[in-house]
Amino acid sequence: MYYDQVRAAIQGLTREDLLRLKAAARSLDKHRYEDLYQEAIAKTLSGERRWRTEVSFSWHLHGCMASIAWNWRKKPDENLLLESQLVENTSEAGVFARLEAATADPERQLSSKTQVELIVEACRGDEVVLALIEGGQLGKSGAEIRKELNLSDKGFKAAAQRLRRTAKKIIRARHQYA
């Protein structure tokens, strides 16, 4: 029954509600705002974050996102830099390259795996993008992938842009139907 109420509330969110929630998520965590929104929905659906129906659903999600963002900031293993945020050949890159990745919870791992599968399926016709995904999954740096594929810097950046656009499109579609 609770699950059905939450699903109905998700479906009842208006375009304006979604835009407000996206803006709130972005203000709470500008790098992981899409994950933040998705995490709030997932935790509400699972019952880990209970929605009290006397509170509007969008306000509940806003509170969840604020709490989750706060927890992410408190945890050092969640406050990692993306490899793309580091300049190659700097001393910081070496430090981060030696650190072990934190293990995500099973729910997040499953969600990530599903998203990657959808992205790979959507990129089936683009062999360069598929090679980028495979190289990334193997932990290779952008420079290593570019060298292996014999790509110019411009060609590599174009393929990475195609991958980002496809990933954003798929993630937005999943959020829209969540």
N, C-alpha and C. Protein backbone atom coordinates (compact mmCIF):
# COMPACT_ATOMS: atom_id res chain seq x y z
N MET A 1 0.82 -1.18 0.00
CA MET A 1 0.00 0.00 0.00
C MET A 1 0.87 1.26 0.00
N TYR A 2 1.90 1.30 0.88
CA TYR A 2 2.80 2.45 0.93
C TYR A 2 3.47 2.65 -0.42
N TYR A 3 3.95 1.55 -0.99
CA TYR A 3 4.62 1.60 -2.30
C TYR A 3 3.69 2.19 -3.35
N ASP A 4 2.45 1.79 -3.37
CA ASP A 4 1.47 2.31 -4.34
C ASP A 4 1.23 3.80 -4.13
N GLN A 5 1.18 4.24 -2.88
CA GLN A 5 1.00 5.67 -2.60
C GLN A 5 2.19 6.48 -3.12
N VAL A 6 3.39 5.95 -2.91
CA VAL A 6 4.59 6.65 -3.37
C VAL A 6 4.63 6.70 -4.89
N ARG A 7 4.33 5.58 -5.54
CA ARG A 7 4.32 5.57 -7.02
C ARG A 7 3.30 6.57 -7.56
N ALA A 8 2.15 6.64 -6.95
CA ALA A 8 1.12 7.59 -7.38
C ALA A 8 1.61 9.03 -7.17
N ALA A 9 2.29 9.27 -6.05
CA ALA A 9 2.83 10.61 -5.77
C ALA A 9 3.91 10.98 -6.79
N ILE A 10 4.75 10.02 -7.16
CA ILE A 10 5.79 10.28 -8.18
C ILE A 10 5.13 10.64 -9.50
N GLN A 11 4.13 9.86 -9.88
CA GLN A 11 3.44 10.13 -11.14
C GLN A 11 2.67 11.43 -11.09
N GLY A 12 2.31 11.87 -9.90
CA GLY A 12 1.56 13.11 -9.75
C GLY A 12 2.42 14.37 -9.74
N LEU A 13 3.75 14.19 -9.74
CA LEU A 13 4.63 15.36 -9.77
C LEU A 13 4.45 16.10 -11.10
N THR A 14 4.27 17.39 -11.02
CA THR A 14 4.10 18.20 -12.23
C THR A 14 5.47 18.56 -12.80
N ARG A 15 5.45 19.08 -14.01
CA ARG A 15 6.70 19.54 -14.64
C ARG A 15 7.36 20.61 -13.76
N GLU A 16 6.55 21.48 -13.19
CA GLU A 16 7.08 22.54 -12.33
C GLU A 16 7.71 21.95 -11.07
N ASP A 17 7.06 20.93 -10.50
CA ASP A 17 7.63 20.24 -9.32
C ASP A 17 9.00 19.66 -9.66
N LEU A 18 9.07 18.99 -10.82
CA LEU A 18 10.32 18.36 -11.23
C LEU A 18 11.42 19.40 -11.46
N LEU A 19 11.07 20.52 -12.06
CA LEU A 19 12.05 21.58 -12.28
C LEU A 19 12.54 22.16 -10.95
N ARG A 20 11.62 22.36 -10.01
CA ARG A 20 12.01 22.86 -8.68
C ARG A 20 12.92 21.86 -7.97
N LEU A 21 12.56 20.58 -8.04
CA LEU A 21 13.38 19.55 -7.39
C LEU A 21 14.77 19.46 -8.02
N LYS A 22 14.83 19.56 -9.34
CA LYS A 22 16.12 19.52 -10.02
C LYS A 22 16.98 20.72 -9.60
N ALA A 23 16.38 21.89 -9.53
CA ALA A 23 17.10 23.09 -9.10
C ALA A 23 17.58 22.93 -7.65
N ALA A 24 16.73 22.39 -6.80
CA ALA A 24 17.11 22.17 -5.40
C ALA A 24 18.26 21.17 -5.31
N ALA A 25 18.17 20.10 -6.06
CA ALA A 25 19.23 19.09 -6.05
C ALA A 25 20.55 19.70 -6.53
N ARG A 26 20.47 20.51 -7.57
CA ARG A 26 21.67 21.15 -8.11
C ARG A 26 22.30 22.09 -7.07
N SER A 27 21.46 22.78 -6.31
CA SER A 27 22.00 23.69 -5.30
C SER A 27 22.61 22.91 -4.12
N LEU A 28 22.13 21.70 -3.88
CA LEU A 28 22.64 20.89 -2.78
C LEU A 28 23.94 20.17 -3.14
N ASP A 29 24.07 19.74 -4.41
CA ASP A 29 25.27 19.04 -4.86
C ASP A 29 25.38 19.20 -6.37
N LYS A 30 26.18 20.18 -6.80
CA LYS A 30 26.21 20.52 -8.22
C LYS A 30 26.82 19.44 -9.11
N HIS A 31 27.60 18.52 -8.55
CA HIS A 31 28.22 17.49 -9.36
C HIS A 31 27.40 16.20 -9.43
N ARG A 32 26.60 15.94 -8.39
CA ARG A 32 25.87 14.66 -8.35
C ARG A 32 24.38 14.89 -8.16
N TYR A 33 23.86 15.99 -8.69
CA TYR A 33 22.46 16.34 -8.43
C TYR A 33 21.49 15.32 -9.01
N GLU A 34 21.82 14.71 -10.17
CA GLU A 34 20.91 13.71 -10.73
C GLU A 34 20.89 12.46 -9.85
N ASP A 35 22.06 12.08 -9.33
CA ASP A 35 22.13 10.95 -8.41
C ASP A 35 21.36 11.26 -7.13
N LEU A 36 21.44 12.51 -6.70
CA LEU A 36 20.79 12.93 -5.46
C LEU A 36 19.27 12.76 -5.57
N TYR A 37 18.71 13.23 -6.67
CA TYR A 37 17.27 13.10 -6.89
C TYR A 37 16.87 11.62 -6.96
N GLN A 38 17.64 10.86 -7.72
CA GLN A 38 17.35 9.43 -7.89
C GLN A 38 17.45 8.70 -6.55
N GLU A 39 18.44 9.05 -5.75
CA GLU A 39 18.61 8.42 -4.44
C GLU A 39 17.43 8.72 -3.52
N ALA A 40 16.92 9.96 -3.56
CA ALA A 40 15.76 10.32 -2.73
C ALA A 40 14.54 9.51 -3.13
N ILE A 41 14.32 9.34 -4.42
CA ILE A 41 13.19 8.54 -4.92
C ILE A 41 13.37 7.08 -4.49
N ALA A 42 14.56 6.53 -4.71
CA ALA A 42 14.80 5.12 -4.39
C ALA A 42 14.64 4.85 -2.89
N LYS A 43 15.16 5.74 -2.06
CA LYS A 43 15.05 5.52 -0.61
C LYS A 43 13.61 5.69 -0.13
N THR A 44 12.84 6.54 -0.80
CA THR A 44 11.43 6.68 -0.44
C THR A 44 10.66 5.44 -0.86
N LEU A 45 10.92 4.95 -2.07
CA LEU A 45 10.24 3.74 -2.54
C LEU A 45 10.56 2.53 -1.66
N SER A 46 11.81 2.44 -1.21
CA SER A 46 12.20 1.29 -0.40
C SER A 46 11.66 1.38 1.03
N GLY A 47 11.23 2.59 1.42
CA GLY A 47 10.74 2.77 2.78
C GLY A 47 11.82 3.21 3.74
N GLU A 48 13.06 3.30 3.27
CA GLU A 48 14.15 3.75 4.13
C GLU A 48 13.92 5.20 4.58
N ARG A 49 13.33 5.99 3.71
CA ARG A 49 12.93 7.36 4.04
C ARG A 49 11.41 7.41 3.89
N ARG A 50 10.71 7.36 4.99
CA ARG A 50 9.25 7.28 4.98
C ARG A 50 8.63 8.64 4.67
N TRP A 51 7.66 8.62 3.79
CA TRP A 51 6.92 9.83 3.44
C TRP A 51 5.68 9.90 4.33
N ARG A 52 5.59 10.98 5.09
CA ARG A 52 4.38 11.23 5.88
C ARG A 52 3.44 12.00 4.97
N THR A 53 2.30 11.44 4.69
CA THR A 53 1.40 11.99 3.68
C THR A 53 0.84 13.37 4.02
N GLU A 54 0.99 13.81 5.27
CA GLU A 54 0.55 15.17 5.59
C GLU A 54 1.52 16.22 5.05
N VAL A 55 2.71 15.78 4.60
CA VAL A 55 3.70 16.65 3.98
C VAL A 55 3.61 16.45 2.47
N SER A 56 3.68 17.55 1.71
CA SER A 56 3.61 17.39 0.25
C SER A 56 4.78 16.52 -0.21
N PHE A 57 4.55 15.75 -1.25
CA PHE A 57 5.57 14.81 -1.71
C PHE A 57 6.82 15.53 -2.21
N SER A 58 6.64 16.63 -2.91
CA SER A 58 7.82 17.35 -3.40
C SER A 58 8.63 17.92 -2.23
N TRP A 59 7.96 18.37 -1.17
CA TRP A 59 8.68 18.86 0.00
C TRP A 59 9.41 17.71 0.70
N HIS A 60 8.78 16.55 0.75
CA HIS A 60 9.42 15.35 1.31
C HIS A 60 10.71 15.04 0.53
N LEU A 61 10.62 15.05 -0.82
CA LEU A 61 11.81 14.75 -1.62
C LEU A 61 12.90 15.79 -1.40
N HIS A 62 12.51 17.04 -1.27
CA HIS A 62 13.48 18.10 -1.02
C HIS A 62 14.21 17.83 0.30
N GLY A 63 13.47 17.48 1.33
CA GLY A 63 14.09 17.16 2.61
C GLY A 63 15.00 15.95 2.53
N CYS A 64 14.57 14.94 1.80
CA CYS A 64 15.40 13.74 1.61
C CYS A 64 16.70 14.11 0.92
N MET A 65 16.59 14.90 -0.15
CA MET A 65 17.80 15.28 -0.89
C MET A 65 18.76 16.08 -0.01
N ALA A 66 18.22 16.98 0.81
CA ALA A 66 19.07 17.76 1.70
C ALA A 66 19.79 16.85 2.69
N SER A 67 19.08 15.89 3.23
CA SER A 67 19.66 14.96 4.19
C SER A 67 20.70 14.06 3.53
N ILE A 68 20.38 13.55 2.37
CA ILE A 68 21.32 12.67 1.65
C ILE A 68 22.58 13.45 1.27
N ALA A 69 22.41 14.67 0.76
CA ALA A 69 23.56 15.50 0.39
C ALA A 69 24.44 15.76 1.61
N TRP A 70 23.82 16.02 2.75
CA TRP A 70 24.57 16.25 3.98
C TRP A 70 25.36 14.99 4.35
N ASN A 71 24.73 13.83 4.25
CA ASN A 71 25.41 12.57 4.56
C ASN A 71 26.58 12.32 3.61
N TRP A 72 26.38 12.64 2.33
CA TRP A 72 27.46 12.46 1.36
C TRP A 72 28.65 13.35 1.71
N ARG A 73 28.38 14.57 2.13
CA ARG A 73 29.47 15.49 2.48
C ARG A 73 30.21 15.02 3.74
N LYS A 74 29.50 14.38 4.66
CA LYS A 74 30.11 13.90 5.91
C LYS A 74 31.01 12.71 5.67
N LYS A 75 30.70 11.91 4.65
CA LYS A 75 31.45 10.68 4.40
C LYS A 75 32.63 10.97 3.48
N PRO A 76 33.86 10.74 3.94
CA PRO A 76 35.01 11.02 3.07
C PRO A 76 35.04 10.16 1.81
N ASP A 77 34.54 8.93 1.87
CA ASP A 77 34.59 8.06 0.69
C ASP A 77 33.59 8.50 -0.38
N GLU A 78 32.57 9.28 -0.04
CA GLU A 78 31.62 9.77 -1.04
C GLU A 78 32.04 11.12 -1.62
N ASN A 79 33.05 11.74 -1.01
CA ASN A 79 33.46 13.08 -1.43
C ASN A 79 34.67 12.98 -2.36
N LEU A 80 34.59 12.08 -3.34
CA LEU A 80 35.71 11.84 -4.24
C LEU A 80 35.65 12.77 -5.45
N LEU A 81 36.80 13.04 -6.01
CA LEU A 81 36.87 13.80 -7.25
C LEU A 81 36.72 12.85 -8.42
N LEU A 82 36.05 13.30 -9.47
CA LEU A 82 35.96 12.51 -10.67
C LEU A 82 37.30 12.60 -11.39
N GLU A 83 37.68 11.54 -12.08
CA GLU A 83 38.94 11.54 -12.81
C GLU A 83 38.96 12.70 -13.81
N SER A 84 37.82 13.00 -14.41
CA SER A 84 37.75 14.07 -15.39
C SER A 84 37.96 15.44 -14.76
N GLN A 85 37.84 15.55 -13.42
CA GLN A 85 38.05 16.82 -12.74
C GLN A 85 39.52 17.06 -12.43
N LEU A 86 40.35 16.04 -12.61
CA LEU A 86 41.77 16.18 -12.35
C LEU A 86 42.51 16.45 -13.65
N VAL A 87 43.50 17.31 -13.57
CA VAL A 87 44.34 17.57 -14.73
C VAL A 87 45.36 16.45 -14.80
N GLU A 88 45.54 15.88 -15.99
CA GLU A 88 46.50 14.79 -16.11
C GLU A 88 47.91 15.31 -15.86
N ASN A 89 48.78 14.41 -15.44
CA ASN A 89 50.19 14.69 -15.18
C ASN A 89 50.40 15.68 -14.04
N THR A 90 49.53 15.69 -13.04
CA THR A 90 49.75 16.52 -11.85
C THR A 90 50.02 15.59 -10.68
N SER A 91 50.57 16.14 -9.62
CA SER A 91 50.87 15.31 -8.46
C SER A 91 49.59 14.76 -7.84
N GLU A 92 48.47 15.53 -7.92
CA GLU A 92 47.21 15.07 -7.34
C GLU A 92 46.69 13.84 -8.05
N ALA A 93 46.89 13.77 -9.37
CA ALA A 93 46.40 12.61 -10.12
C ALA A 93 47.04 11.34 -9.60
N GLY A 94 48.34 11.39 -9.26
CA GLY A 94 49.02 10.22 -8.75
C GLY A 94 48.46 9.78 -7.41
N VAL A 95 48.15 10.74 -6.54
CA VAL A 95 47.60 10.43 -5.23
C VAL A 95 46.26 9.73 -5.38
N PHE A 96 45.38 10.28 -6.19
CA PHE A 96 44.05 9.69 -6.35
C PHE A 96 44.09 8.37 -7.11
N ALA A 97 45.03 8.20 -8.00
CA ALA A 97 45.13 6.96 -8.76
C ALA A 97 45.48 5.79 -7.84
N ARG A 98 46.18 6.05 -6.72
CA ARG A 98 46.59 4.98 -5.81
C ARG A 98 45.52 4.61 -4.80
N LEU A 99 44.49 5.42 -4.66
CA LEU A 99 43.44 5.14 -3.68
C LEU A 99 42.49 4.09 -4.21
N GLU A 100 41.99 3.25 -3.30
CA GLU A 100 40.99 2.26 -3.68
C GLU A 100 39.61 2.92 -3.69
N ALA A 101 38.77 2.48 -4.62
CA ALA A 101 37.42 3.02 -4.71
C ALA A 101 36.57 2.47 -3.57
N ALA A 102 35.65 3.31 -3.10
CA ALA A 102 34.70 2.87 -2.08
C ALA A 102 33.67 1.97 -2.72
N THR A 103 33.20 0.97 -1.99
CA THR A 103 32.18 0.07 -2.50
C THR A 103 30.80 0.69 -2.25
N ALA A 104 30.04 0.81 -3.32
CA ALA A 104 28.69 1.37 -3.20
C ALA A 104 27.75 0.31 -2.65
N ASP A 105 26.61 0.78 -2.13
CA ASP A 105 25.64 -0.18 -1.61
C ASP A 105 25.03 -0.96 -2.78
N PRO A 106 24.47 -2.15 -2.53
CA PRO A 106 23.96 -3.00 -3.61
C PRO A 106 22.89 -2.33 -4.47
N GLU A 107 22.02 -1.53 -3.87
CA GLU A 107 20.97 -0.86 -4.62
C GLU A 107 21.57 0.10 -5.65
N ARG A 108 22.57 0.85 -5.22
CA ARG A 108 23.22 1.81 -6.11
C ARG A 108 24.02 1.08 -7.20
N GLN A 109 24.67 -0.03 -6.84
CA GLN A 109 25.42 -0.81 -7.83
C GLN A 109 24.49 -1.35 -8.91
N LEU A 110 23.33 -1.87 -8.52
CA LEU A 110 22.37 -2.40 -9.48
C LEU A 110 21.87 -1.29 -10.40
N SER A 111 21.55 -0.15 -9.83
CA SER A 111 21.08 0.98 -10.62
C SER A 111 22.14 1.42 -11.62
N SER A 112 23.39 1.50 -11.16
CA SER A 112 24.49 1.90 -12.04
C SER A 112 24.69 0.89 -13.15
N LYS A 113 24.65 -0.39 -12.80
CA LYS A 113 24.83 -1.44 -13.80
C LYS A 113 23.74 -1.37 -14.86
N THR A 114 22.51 -1.16 -14.43
CA THR A 114 21.40 -1.06 -15.36
C THR A 114 21.58 0.14 -16.29
N GLN A 115 22.01 1.27 -15.73
CA GLN A 115 22.22 2.46 -16.55
C GLN A 115 23.33 2.24 -17.57
N VAL A 116 24.42 1.60 -17.16
CA VAL A 116 25.51 1.33 -18.09
C VAL A 116 25.04 0.41 -19.21
N GLU A 117 24.26 -0.61 -18.87
CA GLU A 117 23.74 -1.52 -19.90
C GLU A 117 22.87 -0.77 -20.91
N LEU A 118 22.04 0.14 -20.42
CA LEU A 118 21.20 0.94 -21.32
C LEU A 118 22.04 1.85 -22.21
N ILE A 119 23.08 2.42 -21.65
CA ILE A 119 23.97 3.30 -22.43
C ILE A 119 24.71 2.49 -23.49
N VAL A 120 25.23 1.33 -23.11
CA VAL A 120 25.94 0.47 -24.07
C VAL A 120 24.99 0.08 -25.21
N GLU A 121 23.78 -0.28 -24.87
CA GLU A 121 22.80 -0.65 -25.89
C GLU A 121 22.52 0.52 -26.84
N ALA A 122 22.39 1.71 -26.29
CA ALA A 122 22.11 2.88 -27.11
C ALA A 122 23.29 3.27 -28.00
N CYS A 123 24.50 2.86 -27.62
CA CYS A 123 25.70 3.21 -28.38
C CYS A 123 26.19 2.07 -29.28
N ARG A 124 25.38 1.05 -29.47
CA ARG A 124 25.79 -0.13 -30.23
C ARG A 124 26.44 0.18 -31.57
N GLY A 125 25.99 1.20 -32.27
CA GLY A 125 26.53 1.51 -33.60
C GLY A 125 27.79 2.33 -33.59
N ASP A 126 28.27 2.77 -32.45
CA ASP A 126 29.43 3.65 -32.36
C ASP A 126 30.57 2.91 -31.66
N GLU A 127 31.44 2.29 -32.47
CA GLU A 127 32.51 1.46 -31.93
C GLU A 127 33.50 2.25 -31.06
N VAL A 128 33.73 3.52 -31.40
CA VAL A 128 34.66 4.33 -30.61
C VAL A 128 34.09 4.58 -29.22
N VAL A 129 32.82 4.91 -29.14
CA VAL A 129 32.18 5.15 -27.84
C VAL A 129 32.17 3.86 -27.02
N LEU A 130 31.88 2.75 -27.66
CA LEU A 130 31.91 1.47 -26.94
C LEU A 130 33.30 1.17 -26.39
N ALA A 131 34.34 1.52 -27.17
CA ALA A 131 35.71 1.32 -26.70
C ALA A 131 36.02 2.24 -25.51
N LEU A 132 35.47 3.46 -25.53
CA LEU A 132 35.65 4.37 -24.39
C LEU A 132 35.02 3.77 -23.13
N ILE A 133 33.81 3.24 -23.27
CA ILE A 133 33.12 2.64 -22.12
C ILE A 133 33.93 1.46 -21.59
N GLU A 134 34.36 0.60 -22.50
CA GLU A 134 35.11 -0.59 -22.08
C GLU A 134 36.42 -0.19 -21.39
N GLY A 135 37.12 0.77 -21.97
CA GLY A 135 38.37 1.24 -21.36
C GLY A 135 38.14 1.82 -19.98
N GLY A 136 37.07 2.60 -19.85
CA GLY A 136 36.73 3.18 -18.55
C GLY A 136 36.41 2.12 -17.52
N GLN A 137 35.69 1.08 -17.94
CA GLN A 137 35.36 0.00 -17.03
C GLN A 137 36.59 -0.78 -16.59
N LEU A 138 37.61 -0.78 -17.44
CA LEU A 138 38.86 -1.46 -17.10
C LEU A 138 39.80 -0.56 -16.30
N GLY A 139 39.37 0.66 -16.03
CA GLY A 139 40.16 1.58 -15.22
C GLY A 139 41.24 2.33 -15.97
N LYS A 140 41.15 2.34 -17.29
CA LYS A 140 42.17 3.04 -18.09
C LYS A 140 41.90 4.54 -18.09
N SER A 141 42.96 5.31 -18.19
CA SER A 141 42.84 6.77 -18.25
C SER A 141 42.45 7.18 -19.67
N GLY A 142 42.02 8.41 -19.79
CA GLY A 142 41.67 8.94 -21.11
C GLY A 142 42.85 8.89 -22.06
N ALA A 143 44.04 9.21 -21.56
CA ALA A 143 45.24 9.19 -22.41
C ALA A 143 45.53 7.76 -22.90
N GLU A 144 45.37 6.77 -22.02
CA GLU A 144 45.61 5.38 -22.42
C GLU A 144 44.61 4.94 -23.49
N ILE A 145 43.36 5.28 -23.30
CA ILE A 145 42.32 4.90 -24.27
C ILE A 145 42.59 5.58 -25.60
N ARG A 146 42.91 6.86 -25.55
CA ARG A 146 43.17 7.63 -26.77
C ARG A 146 44.34 7.01 -27.53
N LYS A 147 45.39 6.63 -26.81
CA LYS A 147 46.57 6.03 -27.45
C LYS A 147 46.23 4.67 -28.07
N GLU A 148 45.49 3.83 -27.32
CA GLU A 148 45.11 2.50 -27.83
C GLU A 148 44.26 2.59 -29.09
N LEU A 149 43.36 3.58 -29.13
CA LEU A 149 42.46 3.73 -30.27
C LEU A 149 43.07 4.58 -31.38
N ASN A 150 44.26 5.11 -31.13
CA ASN A 150 44.94 5.96 -32.09
C ASN A 150 44.05 7.15 -32.49
N LEU A 151 43.49 7.80 -31.47
CA LEU A 151 42.59 8.93 -31.70
C LEU A 151 43.31 10.25 -31.46
N SER A 152 42.96 11.24 -32.25
CA SER A 152 43.45 12.59 -31.98
C SER A 152 42.73 13.11 -30.75
N ASP A 153 43.24 14.18 -30.18
CA ASP A 153 42.58 14.78 -29.02
C ASP A 153 41.16 15.21 -29.40
N LYS A 154 41.01 15.78 -30.57
CA LYS A 154 39.70 16.23 -31.04
C LYS A 154 38.73 15.04 -31.22
N GLY A 155 39.23 13.95 -31.79
CA GLY A 155 38.40 12.76 -31.99
C GLY A 155 37.98 12.13 -30.67
N PHE A 156 38.91 12.12 -29.71
CA PHE A 156 38.60 11.57 -28.39
C PHE A 156 37.53 12.42 -27.70
N LYS A 157 37.71 13.75 -27.74
CA LYS A 157 36.74 14.64 -27.10
C LYS A 157 35.37 14.52 -27.76
N ALA A 158 35.33 14.36 -29.08
CA ALA A 158 34.04 14.21 -29.77
C ALA A 158 33.34 12.92 -29.35
N ALA A 159 34.10 11.83 -29.24
CA ALA A 159 33.51 10.55 -28.81
C ALA A 159 33.03 10.64 -27.36
N ALA A 160 33.82 11.30 -26.52
CA ALA A 160 33.42 11.46 -25.11
C ALA A 160 32.15 12.31 -25.02
N GLN A 161 32.03 13.31 -25.87
CA GLN A 161 30.82 14.15 -25.89
C GLN A 161 29.61 13.34 -26.33
N ARG A 162 29.78 12.48 -27.34
CA ARG A 162 28.66 11.62 -27.78
C ARG A 162 28.22 10.71 -26.65
N LEU A 163 29.19 10.17 -25.92
CA LEU A 163 28.89 9.30 -24.79
C LEU A 163 28.13 10.07 -23.70
N ARG A 164 28.59 11.27 -23.36
CA ARG A 164 27.92 12.08 -22.34
C ARG A 164 26.49 12.41 -22.75
N ARG A 165 26.30 12.79 -24.00
CA ARG A 165 24.94 13.12 -24.46
C ARG A 165 24.01 11.93 -24.38
N THR A 166 24.50 10.78 -24.80
CA THR A 166 23.68 9.56 -24.73
C THR A 166 23.36 9.22 -23.29
N ALA A 167 24.35 9.30 -22.42
CA ALA A 167 24.14 8.97 -21.00
C ALA A 167 23.13 9.93 -20.37
N LYS A 168 23.26 11.23 -20.64
CA LYS A 168 22.32 12.20 -20.08
C LYS A 168 20.91 11.94 -20.58
N LYS A 169 20.78 11.62 -21.85
CA LYS A 169 19.46 11.34 -22.43
C LYS A 169 18.81 10.14 -21.74
N ILE A 170 19.57 9.09 -21.52
CA ILE A 170 19.05 7.88 -20.88
C ILE A 170 18.70 8.15 -19.42
N ILE A 171 19.56 8.85 -18.72
CA ILE A 171 19.31 9.15 -17.30
C ILE A 171 18.07 10.02 -17.16
N ARG A 172 17.94 11.03 -18.02
CA ARG A 172 16.74 11.88 -17.97
C ARG A 172 15.48 11.07 -18.23
N ALA A 173 15.54 10.17 -19.21
CA ALA A 173 14.38 9.34 -19.53
C ALA A 173 14.02 8.45 -18.35
N ARG A 174 15.01 7.89 -17.67
CA ARG A 174 14.73 7.04 -16.50
C ARG A 174 14.14 7.85 -15.37
N HIS A 175 14.60 9.08 -15.18
CA HIS A 175 14.05 9.94 -14.12
C HIS A 175 12.63 10.33 -14.45
N GLN A 176 12.36 10.54 -15.73
CA GLN A 176 11.02 10.95 -16.14
C GLN A 176 9.99 9.86 -15.86
N TYR A 177 10.41 8.60 -15.99
CA TYR A 177 9.46 7.50 -15.81
C TYR A 177 9.59 6.84 -14.44
N ALA A 178 10.43 7.39 -13.58
CA ALA A 178 10.61 6.80 -12.24
C ALA A 178 9.40 7.04 -11.39
